[in-house]
């Protein structure tokens, strides 16, 4: 009888699809990546995997989890006309838009390549991703043993990783700083170079004011092109403070932008939750605040969030940057907050 029961249980478990949790994954991220709505399947996922979840219902990187079976619904086939085929085609083409020599495959590099839009979660949303500095200005510099770490290289790597995730969820994404040969890199030390260009293949000025003016002018031009769409700008930077100062991720928005503040708080909420799971004995001190004097936040026509990802001169914060899995986790967590914000849009 016991053998029969075990056989039934084993067969039941084997009928579920299995997936491994990636670094930075939460239940919601994992379900979304596998085409399941967290609101519909979240409870059944936790029930199926209750023995493999942490005390706070978190996932363990590398552990295998069972996916709930998709509910089968019967729909009456709709008649497909030429106009509906055209409409579907027009809305099902999320992309990184670029001109000149930088294509999607080049932007993400041969190791990762251009992603397919596997889910429609962010279809209709337009994002402008702006990584700090670039071209002749490497930004803040940290020392890592005998190596130098440049702000623009690490902010850029997190940015293109984030772009790739957003594309998978069906968004239209503009990467405002692009490198013609770096792509997504998994090395710890990312060598400095000065060949980045500004969308759409413009030389990046040395002057910070000219650089930001050029960048935001492009964002605002694109914003007018996508008039009426849900549009957001995310500016990703790395801070430089005293070597002994370990900081968390901070989020800034314009004082008169409730939509920018809402996006910042949605992303902050994800970071707070993830830190509680991964480092329960260390409180998360990153916060959301107003910084209306920041050029990108002040002048963007799209609601904007400016992010400081950590202190590039602090050894503890450096692990947030030099470990490729941690850079991917940053991208995943930001994307999860972005998805929550888009779902709650008014």
C-alpha atoms as a PDB file:
ATOM      1  CA  UNK A   1       0.000   0.000   0.000  1.00  0.00           C
ATOM      2  CA  UNK A   2       2.852   2.377   0.940  1.00  0.00           C
ATOM      3  CA  UNK A   3       4.678   1.538  -2.305  1.00  0.00           C
ATOM      4  CA  UNK A   4       1.520   2.265  -4.268  1.00  0.00           C
ATOM      5  CA  UNK A   5       1.104   5.634  -2.517  1.00  0.00           C
ATOM      6  CA  UNK A   6       4.706   6.627  -3.196  1.00  0.00           C
ATOM      7  CA  UNK A   7       4.340   5.653  -6.840  1.00  0.00           C
ATOM      8  CA  UNK A   8       1.236   7.830  -7.205  1.00  0.00           C
ATOM      9  CA  UNK A   9       2.982  10.794  -5.523  1.00  0.00           C
ATOM     10  CA  UNK A  10       6.104  10.394  -7.664  1.00  0.00           C
ATOM     11  CA  UNK A  11       4.025  10.211 -10.838  1.00  0.00           C
ATOM     12  CA  UNK A  12       2.051  13.289  -9.785  1.00  0.00           C
ATOM     13  CA  UNK A  13       5.232  15.314  -9.232  1.00  0.00           C
ATOM     14  CA  UNK A  14       6.808  14.116 -12.469  1.00  0.00           C
ATOM     15  CA  UNK A  15       3.839  15.496 -14.407  1.00  0.00           C
ATOM     16  CA  UNK A  16       4.771  19.078 -13.462  1.00  0.00           C
ATOM     17  CA  UNK A  17       7.306  21.099 -15.406  1.00  0.00           C
ATOM     18  CA  UNK A  18      10.491  21.793 -13.451  1.00  0.00           C
ATOM     19  CA  UNK A  19      12.597  24.953 -13.566  1.00  0.00           C
ATOM     20  CA  UNK A  20      15.661  26.172 -11.702  1.00  0.00           C
ATOM     21  CA  UNK A  21      15.658  29.479  -9.848  1.00  0.00           C
ATOM     22  CA  UNK A  22      18.165  32.021 -11.115  1.00  0.00           C
ATOM     23  CA  UNK A  23      20.057  34.462  -8.967  1.00  0.00           C
ATOM     24  CA  UNK A  24      17.727  37.306  -8.002  1.00  0.00           C
ATOM     25  CA  UNK A  25      14.542  35.375  -8.784  1.00  0.00           C
ATOM     26  CA  UNK A  26      11.424  35.767  -6.708  1.00  0.00           C
ATOM     27  CA  UNK A  27       8.239  33.715  -7.068  1.00  0.00           C
ATOM     28  CA  UNK A  28       6.694  36.404  -9.259  1.00  0.00           C
ATOM     29  CA  UNK A  29       9.742  36.729 -11.530  1.00  0.00           C
ATOM     30  CA  UNK A  30      10.007  32.972 -11.959  1.00  0.00           C
ATOM     31  CA  UNK A  31       6.326  32.608 -12.850  1.00  0.00           C
ATOM     32  CA  UNK A  32       6.386  35.542 -15.271  1.00  0.00           C
ATOM     33  CA  UNK A  33       9.462  34.188 -17.023  1.00  0.00           C
ATOM     34  CA  UNK A  34       7.622  30.927 -17.573  1.00  0.00           C
ATOM     35  CA  UNK A  35       4.458  32.522 -18.884  1.00  0.00           C
ATOM     36  CA  UNK A  36       2.324  32.206 -15.738  1.00  0.00           C
ATOM     37  CA  UNK A  37       0.370  35.028 -14.123  1.00  0.00           C
ATOM     38  CA  UNK A  38       1.541  35.356 -10.480  1.00  0.00           C
ATOM     39  CA  UNK A  39      -1.915  36.471  -9.359  1.00  0.00           C
ATOM     40  CA  UNK A  40      -3.474  33.351 -10.818  1.00  0.00           C
ATOM     41  CA  UNK A  41      -0.743  30.818 -10.052  1.00  0.00           C
ATOM     42  CA  UNK A  42       1.162  32.275  -7.079  1.00  0.00           C
ATOM     43  CA  UNK A  43      -0.755  30.430  -4.361  1.00  0.00           C
ATOM     44  CA  UNK A  44      -0.616  27.055  -6.134  1.00  0.00           C
ATOM     45  CA  UNK A  45       3.116  27.515  -6.801  1.00  0.00           C
ATOM     46  CA  UNK A  46       3.775  28.098  -3.097  1.00  0.00           C
ATOM     47  CA  UNK A  47       1.640  25.101  -2.174  1.00  0.00           C
ATOM     48  CA  UNK A  48       3.458  22.857  -4.646  1.00  0.00           C
ATOM     49  CA  UNK A  49       6.874  23.992  -3.482  1.00  0.00           C
ATOM     50  CA  UNK A  50       6.278  24.706   0.200  1.00  0.00           C
ATOM     51  CA  UNK A  51       9.138  22.400   1.293  1.00  0.00           C
ATOM     52  CA  UNK A  52      11.622  24.119  -1.001  1.00  0.00           C
ATOM     53  CA  UNK A  53      10.809  27.730  -0.130  1.00  0.00           C
ATOM     54  CA  UNK A  54      12.506  29.812   2.546  1.00  0.00           C
ATOM     55  CA  UNK A  55      10.623  30.857   5.666  1.00  0.00           C
ATOM     56  CA  UNK A  56       9.614  34.062   3.881  1.00  0.00           C
ATOM     57  CA  UNK A  57       8.436  32.179   0.773  1.00  0.00           C
ATOM     58  CA  UNK A  58      11.648  33.043  -1.083  1.00  0.00           C
ATOM     59  CA  UNK A  59      13.461  30.968  -3.681  1.00  0.00           C
ATOM     60  CA  UNK A  60      16.908  29.418  -3.372  1.00  0.00           C
ATOM     61  CA  UNK A  61      19.205  30.034  -6.337  1.00  0.00           C
ATOM     62  CA  UNK A  62      19.904  26.836  -8.267  1.00  0.00           C
ATOM     63  CA  UNK A  63      17.110  24.854  -6.593  1.00  0.00           C
ATOM     64  CA  UNK A  64      14.510  23.164  -8.811  1.00  0.00           C
ATOM     65  CA  UNK A  65      10.849  24.112  -8.473  1.00  0.00           C
ATOM     66  CA  UNK A  66       7.601  22.720  -9.859  1.00  0.00           C
ATOM     67  CA  UNK A  67       5.405  24.926 -12.018  1.00  0.00           C
ATOM     68  CA  UNK A  68       1.605  24.794 -11.607  1.00  0.00           C
ATOM     69  CA  UNK A  69      -0.302  23.416 -14.560  1.00  0.00           C
ATOM     70  CA  UNK A  70      -1.822  26.065 -16.738  1.00  0.00           C
ATOM     71  CA  UNK A  71      -5.609  26.256 -16.487  1.00  0.00           C
ATOM     72  CA  UNK A  72      -7.344  25.176 -19.671  1.00  0.00           C
ATOM     73  CA  UNK A  73      -9.995  27.575 -20.911  1.00  0.00           C
ATOM     74  CA  UNK A  74     -12.161  27.091 -23.957  1.00  0.00           C
ATOM     75  CA  UNK A  75     -12.639  30.075 -26.190  1.00  0.00           C
ATOM     76  CA  UNK A  76     -14.768  30.478 -29.239  1.00  0.00           C
ATOM     77  CA  UNK A  77     -12.387  31.075 -32.148  1.00  0.00           C
ATOM     78  CA  UNK A  78     -12.635  34.663 -33.307  1.00  0.00           C
ATOM     79  CA  UNK A  79     -12.818  35.432 -36.960  1.00  0.00           C
ATOM     80  CA  UNK A  80      -9.475  36.833 -38.109  1.00  0.00           C
ATOM     81  CA  UNK A  81      -9.718  39.685 -40.556  1.00  0.00           C
ATOM     82  CA  UNK A  82      -7.025  41.517 -42.408  1.00  0.00           C
ATOM     83  CA  UNK A  83      -7.365  44.501 -40.079  1.00  0.00           C
ATOM     84  CA  UNK A  84      -7.025  42.403 -36.913  1.00  0.00           C
ATOM     85  CA  UNK A  85      -3.958  40.635 -38.323  1.00  0.00           C
ATOM     86  CA  UNK A  86      -2.401  44.026 -39.019  1.00  0.00           C
ATOM     87  CA  UNK A  87      -3.226  45.293 -35.522  1.00  0.00           C
ATOM     88  CA  UNK A  88      -1.711  42.220 -33.878  1.00  0.00           C
ATOM     89  CA  UNK A  89       1.439  42.549 -35.920  1.00  0.00           C
ATOM     90  CA  UNK A  90       1.753  46.215 -34.991  1.00  0.00           C
ATOM     91  CA  UNK A  91       1.520  45.577 -31.240  1.00  0.00           C
ATOM     92  CA  UNK A  92       3.594  42.407 -31.091  1.00  0.00           C
ATOM     93  CA  UNK A  93       6.931  43.848 -32.125  1.00  0.00           C
ATOM     94  CA  UNK A  94       8.712  45.123 -28.998  1.00  0.00           C
ATOM     95  CA  UNK A  95      12.236  46.165 -29.767  1.00  0.00           C
ATOM     96  CA  UNK A  96      15.418  47.994 -28.955  1.00  0.00           C
ATOM     97  CA  UNK A  97      15.392  50.766 -31.502  1.00  0.00           C
ATOM     98  CA  UNK A  98      18.790  51.813 -32.819  1.00  0.00           C
ATOM     99  CA  UNK A  99      20.460  53.270 -35.864  1.00  0.00           C
ATOM    100  CA  UNK A 100      23.941  52.905 -37.302  1.00  0.00           C
ATOM    101  CA  UNK A 101      26.130  49.858 -36.668  1.00  0.00           C
ATOM    102  CA  UNK A 102      24.612  48.765 -33.347  1.00  0.00           C
ATOM    103  CA  UNK A 103      22.001  46.062 -33.816  1.00  0.00           C
ATOM    104  CA  UNK A 104      20.258  44.087 -31.088  1.00  0.00           C
ATOM    105  CA  UNK A 105      22.605  41.134 -31.481  1.00  0.00           C
ATOM    106  CA  UNK A 106      25.627  43.437 -31.170  1.00  0.00           C
ATOM    107  CA  UNK A 107      24.095  45.317 -28.247  1.00  0.00           C
ATOM    108  CA  UNK A 108      23.726  42.156 -26.139  1.00  0.00           C
ATOM    109  CA  UNK A 109      26.808  40.350 -27.454  1.00  0.00           C
ATOM    110  CA  UNK A 110      27.320  36.856 -28.914  1.00  0.00           C
ATOM    111  CA  UNK A 111      27.094  35.126 -25.534  1.00  0.00           C
ATOM    112  CA  UNK A 112      23.516  36.276 -24.893  1.00  0.00           C
ATOM    113  CA  UNK A 113      22.183  37.507 -28.222  1.00  0.00           C
ATOM    114  CA  UNK A 114      18.930  39.279 -28.913  1.00  0.00           C
ATOM    115  CA  UNK A 115      15.985  37.984 -26.843  1.00  0.00           C
ATOM    116  CA  UNK A 116      12.576  37.029 -28.143  1.00  0.00           C
ATOM    117  CA  UNK A 117       9.477  38.660 -26.664  1.00  0.00           C
ATOM    118  CA  UNK A 118       8.204  35.571 -24.860  1.00  0.00           C
ATOM    119  CA  UNK A 119       5.513  37.262 -22.764  1.00  0.00           C
ATOM    120  CA  UNK A 120       3.178  40.189 -23.289  1.00  0.00           C
ATOM    121  CA  UNK A 121       3.321  41.490 -19.711  1.00  0.00           C
ATOM    122  CA  UNK A 122       4.825  44.876 -20.721  1.00  0.00           C
ATOM    123  CA  UNK A 123       3.364  45.161 -24.196  1.00  0.00           C
ATOM    124  CA  UNK A 124       2.518  48.794 -24.863  1.00  0.00           C
ATOM    125  CA  UNK A 125       5.126  50.146 -22.422  1.00  0.00           C
ATOM    126  CA  UNK A 126       8.097  52.208 -23.627  1.00  0.00           C
ATOM    127  CA  UNK A 127      11.285  52.492 -21.561  1.00  0.00           C
ATOM    128  CA  UNK A 128      14.308  54.735 -21.974  1.00  0.00           C
ATOM    129  CA  UNK A 129      17.339  53.273 -20.182  1.00  0.00           C
ATOM    130  CA  UNK A 130      20.165  55.708 -19.525  1.00  0.00           C
ATOM    131  CA  UNK A 131      23.397  54.398 -17.998  1.00  0.00           C
ATOM    132  CA  UNK A 132      25.657  56.996 -16.417  1.00  0.00           C
ATOM    133  CA  UNK A 133      28.528  58.702 -18.250  1.00  0.00           C
ATOM    134  CA  UNK A 134      30.166  56.849 -21.187  1.00  0.00           C
ATOM    135  CA  UNK A 135      32.381  57.796 -24.112  1.00  0.00           C
ATOM    136  CA  UNK A 136      35.160  60.146 -22.957  1.00  0.00           C
ATOM    137  CA  UNK A 137      33.870  60.153 -19.348  1.00  0.00           C
ATOM    138  CA  UNK A 138      34.148  56.867 -17.382  1.00  0.00           C
ATOM    139  CA  UNK A 139      32.466  58.389 -14.332  1.00  0.00           C
ATOM    140  CA  UNK A 140      33.409  57.355 -10.799  1.00  0.00           C
ATOM    141  CA  UNK A 141      36.468  55.117 -10.417  1.00  0.00           C
ATOM    142  CA  UNK A 142      37.013  52.455  -7.755  1.00  0.00           C
ATOM    143  CA  UNK A 143      40.127  50.434  -6.965  1.00  0.00           C
ATOM    144  CA  UNK A 144      39.765  46.639  -6.899  1.00  0.00           C
ATOM    145  CA  UNK A 145      43.141  45.108  -6.066  1.00  0.00           C
ATOM    146  CA  UNK A 146      45.408  46.258  -8.863  1.00  0.00           C
ATOM    147  CA  UNK A 147      42.455  46.992 -11.169  1.00  0.00           C
ATOM    148  CA  UNK A 148      40.320  50.053 -11.727  1.00  0.00           C
ATOM    149  CA  UNK A 149      36.538  49.796 -11.850  1.00  0.00           C
ATOM    150  CA  UNK A 150      34.748  52.400 -13.964  1.00  0.00           C
ATOM    151  CA  UNK A 151      31.197  53.490 -13.193  1.00  0.00           C
ATOM    152  CA  UNK A 152      30.124  53.617 -16.836  1.00  0.00           C
ATOM    153  CA  UNK A 153      31.105  49.989 -17.523  1.00  0.00           C
ATOM    154  CA  UNK A 154      29.141  48.526 -14.602  1.00  0.00           C
ATOM    155  CA  UNK A 155      26.128  50.818 -14.960  1.00  0.00           C
ATOM    156  CA  UNK A 156      26.079  49.902 -18.647  1.00  0.00           C
ATOM    157  CA  UNK A 157      26.243  46.141 -18.004  1.00  0.00           C
ATOM    158  CA  UNK A 158      23.307  46.285 -15.577  1.00  0.00           C
ATOM    159  CA  UNK A 159      21.422  48.480 -18.056  1.00  0.00           C
ATOM    160  CA  UNK A 160      21.741  46.139 -21.036  1.00  0.00           C
ATOM    161  CA  UNK A 161      20.847  43.181 -18.817  1.00  0.00           C
ATOM    162  CA  UNK A 162      17.737  45.101 -17.736  1.00  0.00           C
ATOM    163  CA  UNK A 163      16.947  45.946 -21.368  1.00  0.00           C
ATOM    164  CA  UNK A 164      17.112  42.265 -22.278  1.00  0.00           C
ATOM    165  CA  UNK A 165      14.700  41.294 -19.475  1.00  0.00           C
ATOM    166  CA  UNK A 166      12.224  44.029 -20.429  1.00  0.00           C
ATOM    167  CA  UNK A 167      12.297  42.894 -24.044  1.00  0.00           C
ATOM    168  CA  UNK A 168      11.434  39.358 -22.963  1.00  0.00           C
ATOM    169  CA  UNK A 169       8.315  40.802 -21.315  1.00  0.00           C
ATOM    170  CA  UNK A 170       7.226  42.561 -24.501  1.00  0.00           C
ATOM    171  CA  UNK A 171       8.310  46.170 -23.817  1.00  0.00           C
ATOM    172  CA  UNK A 172       9.747  48.614 -26.327  1.00  0.00           C
ATOM    173  CA  UNK A 173      13.165  49.643 -25.010  1.00  0.00           C
ATOM    174  CA  UNK A 174      15.538  52.407 -26.038  1.00  0.00           C
ATOM    175  CA  UNK A 175      19.092  52.047 -24.730  1.00  0.00           C
ATOM    176  CA  UNK A 176      20.357  55.618 -24.694  1.00  0.00           C
ATOM    177  CA  UNK A 177      24.065  54.758 -24.321  1.00  0.00           C
ATOM    178  CA  UNK A 178      25.326  51.928 -26.513  1.00  0.00           C
ATOM    179  CA  UNK A 179      28.687  50.198 -26.901  1.00  0.00           C
ATOM    180  CA  UNK A 180      29.507  48.734 -30.343  1.00  0.00           C
ATOM    181  CA  UNK A 181      31.503  45.758 -29.036  1.00  0.00           C
ATOM    182  CA  UNK A 182      30.962  45.056 -25.328  1.00  0.00           C
ATOM    183  CA  UNK A 183      27.557  43.376 -25.068  1.00  0.00           C
ATOM    184  CA  UNK A 184      26.627  41.693 -21.788  1.00  0.00           C
ATOM    185  CA  UNK A 185      29.804  40.552 -20.053  1.00  0.00           C
ATOM    186  CA  UNK A 186      30.241  38.006 -17.266  1.00  0.00           C
ATOM    187  CA  UNK A 187      33.803  38.912 -16.278  1.00  0.00           C
ATOM    188  CA  UNK A 188      34.478  40.354 -12.825  1.00  0.00           C
ATOM    189  CA  UNK A 189      36.659  43.209 -14.027  1.00  0.00           C
ATOM    190  CA  UNK A 190      35.155  45.042 -17.000  1.00  0.00           C
ATOM    191  CA  UNK A 191      37.920  46.859 -18.904  1.00  0.00           C
ATOM    192  CA  UNK A 192      37.482  50.561 -19.505  1.00  0.00           C
ATOM    193  CA  UNK A 193      37.001  51.824 -23.022  1.00  0.00           C
ATOM    194  CA  UNK A 194      35.778  55.069 -24.528  1.00  0.00           C
ATOM    195  CA  UNK A 195      33.876  53.974 -27.631  1.00  0.00           C
ATOM    196  CA  UNK A 196      30.302  54.226 -26.344  1.00  0.00           C
ATOM    197  CA  UNK A 197      27.889  56.307 -28.398  1.00  0.00           C
ATOM    198  CA  UNK A 198      24.641  58.006 -27.581  1.00  0.00           C
ATOM    199  CA  UNK A 199      21.418  56.957 -29.262  1.00  0.00           C
ATOM    200  CA  UNK A 200      21.075  57.050 -32.252  1.00  0.00           C
ATOM    201  CA  UNK A 201      24.819  56.649 -32.870  1.00  0.00           C
ATOM    202  CA  UNK A 202      25.892  60.155 -31.770  1.00  0.00           C
ATOM    203  CA  UNK A 203      29.326  61.014 -30.409  1.00  0.00           C
ATOM    204  CA  UNK A 204      29.164  61.550 -26.628  1.00  0.00           C
ATOM    205  CA  UNK A 205      30.406  65.023 -25.620  1.00  0.00           C
ATOM    206  CA  UNK A 206      33.000  65.399 -22.877  1.00  0.00           C
ATOM    207  CA  UNK A 207      30.990  68.166 -21.220  1.00  0.00           C
ATOM    208  CA  UNK A 208      28.510  66.707 -18.753  1.00  0.00           C
ATOM    209  CA  UNK A 209      25.943  69.415 -19.470  1.00  0.00           C
ATOM    210  CA  UNK A 210      26.171  68.904 -23.234  1.00  0.00           C
ATOM    211  CA  UNK A 211      26.039  65.129 -22.793  1.00  0.00           C
ATOM    212  CA  UNK A 212      22.902  65.195 -20.662  1.00  0.00           C
ATOM    213  CA  UNK A 213      21.280  67.826 -22.861  1.00  0.00           C
ATOM    214  CA  UNK A 214      21.918  65.668 -25.926  1.00  0.00           C
ATOM    215  CA  UNK A 215      20.618  62.533 -24.237  1.00  0.00           C
ATOM    216  CA  UNK A 216      17.412  64.034 -22.881  1.00  0.00           C
ATOM    217  CA  UNK A 217      16.737  65.772 -26.196  1.00  0.00           C
ATOM    218  CA  UNK A 218      16.667  62.320 -27.794  1.00  0.00           C
ATOM    219  CA  UNK A 219      14.417  60.949 -25.035  1.00  0.00           C
ATOM    220  CA  UNK A 220      11.972  63.821 -25.455  1.00  0.00           C
ATOM    221  CA  UNK A 221      11.956  63.464 -29.242  1.00  0.00           C
ATOM    222  CA  UNK A 222      11.097  59.774 -28.871  1.00  0.00           C
ATOM    223  CA  UNK A 223       8.540  60.611 -26.183  1.00  0.00           C
ATOM    224  CA  UNK A 224       6.679  62.773 -28.715  1.00  0.00           C
ATOM    225  CA  UNK A 225       6.798  59.924 -31.239  1.00  0.00           C
ATOM    226  CA  UNK A 226       5.141  57.577 -28.701  1.00  0.00           C
ATOM    227  CA  UNK A 227       2.582  60.145 -27.576  1.00  0.00           C
ATOM    228  CA  UNK A 228      -0.164  58.517 -25.529  1.00  0.00           C
ATOM    229  CA  UNK A 229       1.875  55.444 -24.542  1.00  0.00           C
ATOM    230  CA  UNK A 230       3.010  54.515 -21.053  1.00  0.00           C
ATOM    231  CA  UNK A 231       6.616  55.839 -21.034  1.00  0.00           C
ATOM    232  CA  UNK A 232       9.301  55.849 -18.331  1.00  0.00           C
ATOM    233  CA  UNK A 233      12.964  56.851 -18.096  1.00  0.00           C
ATOM    234  CA  UNK A 234      15.349  54.975 -15.798  1.00  0.00           C
ATOM    235  CA  UNK A 235      18.809  56.439 -15.231  1.00  0.00           C
ATOM    236  CA  UNK A 236      21.282  53.984 -13.678  1.00  0.00           C
ATOM    237  CA  UNK A 237      24.397  55.317 -11.935  1.00  0.00           C
ATOM    238  CA  UNK A 238      27.059  54.124  -9.516  1.00  0.00           C
ATOM    239  CA  UNK A 239      28.021  56.419  -6.647  1.00  0.00           C
ATOM    240  CA  UNK A 240      31.475  57.336  -5.364  1.00  0.00           C
ATOM    241  CA  UNK A 241      31.900  57.988  -1.656  1.00  0.00           C
ATOM    242  CA  UNK A 242      34.538  57.269   0.978  1.00  0.00           C
ATOM    243  CA  UNK A 243      35.913  53.724   0.816  1.00  0.00           C
ATOM    244  CA  UNK A 244      34.449  52.848   4.198  1.00  0.00           C
ATOM    245  CA  UNK A 245      30.881  53.785   3.313  1.00  0.00           C
ATOM    246  CA  UNK A 246      28.726  50.799   2.364  1.00  0.00           C
ATOM    247  CA  UNK A 247      25.441  52.017   0.838  1.00  0.00           C
ATOM    248  CA  UNK A 248      22.301  50.406  -0.496  1.00  0.00           C
ATOM    249  CA  UNK A 249      20.448  51.217  -3.714  1.00  0.00           C
ATOM    250  CA  UNK A 250      18.794  54.659  -3.656  1.00  0.00           C
ATOM    251  CA  UNK A 251      15.970  55.996  -5.844  1.00  0.00           C
ATOM    252  CA  UNK A 252      15.254  59.613  -6.786  1.00  0.00           C
ATOM    253  CA  UNK A 253      12.290  61.253  -8.543  1.00  0.00           C
ATOM    254  CA  UNK A 254      11.011  64.742  -9.334  1.00  0.00           C
ATOM    255  CA  UNK A 255       8.958  66.402  -6.614  1.00  0.00           C
ATOM    256  CA  UNK A 256       6.124  67.093  -9.074  1.00  0.00           C
ATOM    257  CA  UNK A 257       6.033  63.620 -10.619  1.00  0.00           C
ATOM    258  CA  UNK A 258       3.664  61.246  -8.794  1.00  0.00           C
ATOM    259  CA  UNK A 259       4.157  58.673 -11.569  1.00  0.00           C
ATOM    260  CA  UNK A 260       7.935  58.855 -11.166  1.00  0.00           C
ATOM    261  CA  UNK A 261       7.572  58.474  -7.415  1.00  0.00           C
ATOM    262  CA  UNK A 262       5.234  55.489  -7.822  1.00  0.00           C
ATOM    263  CA  UNK A 263       7.734  53.731 -10.099  1.00  0.00           C
ATOM    264  CA  UNK A 264      10.561  54.425  -7.649  1.00  0.00           C
ATOM    265  CA  UNK A 265       8.545  53.048  -4.746  1.00  0.00           C
ATOM    266  CA  UNK A 266       7.531  49.928  -6.654  1.00  0.00           C
ATOM    267  CA  UNK A 267      11.171  49.125  -7.419  1.00  0.00           C
ATOM    268  CA  UNK A 268      12.236  50.039  -3.878  1.00  0.00           C
ATOM    269  CA  UNK A 269       9.579  47.682  -2.493  1.00  0.00           C
ATOM    270  CA  UNK A 270      11.093  44.778  -4.436  1.00  0.00           C
ATOM    271  CA  UNK A 271      14.615  45.584  -3.207  1.00  0.00           C
ATOM    272  CA  UNK A 272      13.419  45.803   0.390  1.00  0.00           C
ATOM    273  CA  UNK A 273      11.705  42.417   0.082  1.00  0.00           C
ATOM    274  CA  UNK A 274      14.694  40.750  -1.565  1.00  0.00           C
ATOM    275  CA  UNK A 275      17.124  42.034   1.032  1.00  0.00           C
ATOM    276  CA  UNK A 276      14.925  40.693   3.831  1.00  0.00           C
ATOM    277  CA  UNK A 277      15.108  37.255   2.254  1.00  0.00           C
ATOM    278  CA  UNK A 278      18.771  37.182   1.297  1.00  0.00           C
ATOM    279  CA  UNK A 279      20.186  39.134   4.265  1.00  0.00           C
ATOM    280  CA  UNK A 280      17.627  38.886   7.098  1.00  0.00           C
ATOM    281  CA  UNK A 281      20.108  40.150   9.721  1.00  0.00           C
ATOM    282  CA  UNK A 282      20.976  43.333   7.813  1.00  0.00           C
ATOM    283  CA  UNK A 283      18.337  46.060   7.432  1.00  0.00           C
ATOM    284  CA  UNK A 284      17.976  47.610   3.990  1.00  0.00           C
ATOM    285  CA  UNK A 285      18.677  51.352   4.208  1.00  0.00           C
ATOM    286  CA  UNK A 286      18.085  52.398   0.587  1.00  0.00           C
ATOM    287  CA  UNK A 287      15.210  54.832   0.231  1.00  0.00           C
ATOM    288  CA  UNK A 288      13.089  56.886  -2.160  1.00  0.00           C
ATOM    289  CA  UNK A 289      13.438  60.673  -2.139  1.00  0.00           C
ATOM    290  CA  UNK A 290      12.988  63.822  -4.220  1.00  0.00           C
ATOM    291  CA  UNK A 291      15.919  65.151  -6.267  1.00  0.00           C
ATOM    292  CA  UNK A 292      14.372  67.628  -8.665  1.00  0.00           C
ATOM    293  CA  UNK A 293      17.763  69.210  -9.423  1.00  0.00           C
ATOM    294  CA  UNK A 294      19.037  66.118 -11.291  1.00  0.00           C
ATOM    295  CA  UNK A 295      19.157  67.027 -14.994  1.00  0.00           C
ATOM    296  CA  UNK A 296      17.600  63.814 -16.319  1.00  0.00           C
ATOM    297  CA  UNK A 297      14.841  63.873 -13.702  1.00  0.00           C
ATOM    298  CA  UNK A 298      14.131  67.588 -14.201  1.00  0.00           C
ATOM    299  CA  UNK A 299      14.071  67.705 -18.005  1.00  0.00           C
ATOM    300  CA  UNK A 300      12.690  64.363 -19.155  1.00  0.00           C
ATOM    301  CA  UNK A 301       9.156  64.477 -20.549  1.00  0.00           C
ATOM    302  CA  UNK A 302       8.807  60.830 -19.517  1.00  0.00           C
ATOM    303  CA  UNK A 303       8.375  60.188 -15.796  1.00  0.00           C
ATOM    304  CA  UNK A 304      11.880  59.451 -14.520  1.00  0.00           C
ATOM    305  CA  UNK A 305      13.642  57.498 -11.785  1.00  0.00           C
ATOM    306  CA  UNK A 306      17.332  58.077 -11.058  1.00  0.00           C
ATOM    307  CA  UNK A 307      19.067  55.157  -9.322  1.00  0.00           C
ATOM    308  CA  UNK A 308      22.359  54.942  -7.422  1.00  0.00           C
ATOM    309  CA  UNK A 309      23.355  51.270  -7.366  1.00  0.00           C
ATOM    310  CA  UNK A 310      26.094  51.457  -4.734  1.00  0.00           C
ATOM    311  CA  UNK A 311      29.505  52.879  -3.818  1.00  0.00           C
ATOM    312  CA  UNK A 312      32.121  51.762  -6.333  1.00  0.00           C
ATOM    313  CA  UNK A 313      34.925  52.524  -3.857  1.00  0.00           C
ATOM    314  CA  UNK A 314      33.572  50.326  -1.054  1.00  0.00           C
ATOM    315  CA  UNK A 315      34.722  46.673  -0.979  1.00  0.00           C
ATOM    316  CA  UNK A 316      31.321  45.292   0.082  1.00  0.00           C
ATOM    317  CA  UNK A 317      29.490  47.282  -2.566  1.00  0.00           C
ATOM    318  CA  UNK A 318      32.024  46.212  -5.170  1.00  0.00           C
ATOM    319  CA  UNK A 319      30.761  42.634  -4.851  1.00  0.00           C
ATOM    320  CA  UNK A 320      27.407  43.970  -6.051  1.00  0.00           C
ATOM    321  CA  UNK A 321      29.153  44.941  -9.283  1.00  0.00           C
ATOM    322  CA  UNK A 322      32.054  42.580  -9.956  1.00  0.00           C
ATOM    323  CA  UNK A 323      29.999  39.368  -9.617  1.00  0.00           C
ATOM    324  CA  UNK A 324      28.036  38.898 -12.844  1.00  0.00           C
ATOM    325  CA  UNK A 325      25.190  37.071 -11.071  1.00  0.00           C
ATOM    326  CA  UNK A 326      24.775  40.073  -8.785  1.00  0.00           C
ATOM    327  CA  UNK A 327      24.553  42.425 -11.756  1.00  0.00           C
ATOM    328  CA  UNK A 328      21.871  40.157 -13.200  1.00  0.00           C
ATOM    329  CA  UNK A 329      20.054  40.143  -9.860  1.00  0.00           C
ATOM    330  CA  UNK A 330      20.024  43.952  -9.870  1.00  0.00           C
ATOM    331  CA  UNK A 331      18.513  43.892 -13.361  1.00  0.00           C
ATOM    332  CA  UNK A 332      15.930  41.260 -12.361  1.00  0.00           C
ATOM    333  CA  UNK A 333      14.841  43.155  -9.253  1.00  0.00           C
ATOM    334  CA  UNK A 334      14.510  46.444 -11.128  1.00  0.00           C
ATOM    335  CA  UNK A 335      12.464  44.647 -13.812  1.00  0.00           C
ATOM    336  CA  UNK A 336      10.193  43.127 -11.188  1.00  0.00           C
ATOM    337  CA  UNK A 337       9.446  46.577  -9.776  1.00  0.00           C
ATOM    338  CA  UNK A 338       8.856  47.906 -13.290  1.00  0.00           C
ATOM    339  CA  UNK A 339       6.357  45.131 -13.965  1.00  0.00           C
ATOM    340  CA  UNK A 340       4.515  45.853 -10.702  1.00  0.00           C
ATOM    341  CA  UNK A 341       4.331  49.519 -11.653  1.00  0.00           C
ATOM    342  CA  UNK A 342       2.979  48.811 -15.129  1.00  0.00           C
ATOM    343  CA  UNK A 343       0.335  46.483 -13.759  1.00  0.00           C
ATOM    344  CA  UNK A 344      -0.853  49.141 -11.328  1.00  0.00           C
ATOM    345  CA  UNK A 345      -0.933  51.983 -13.865  1.00  0.00           C
ATOM    346  CA  UNK A 346      -4.027  54.151 -13.823  1.00  0.00           C
END
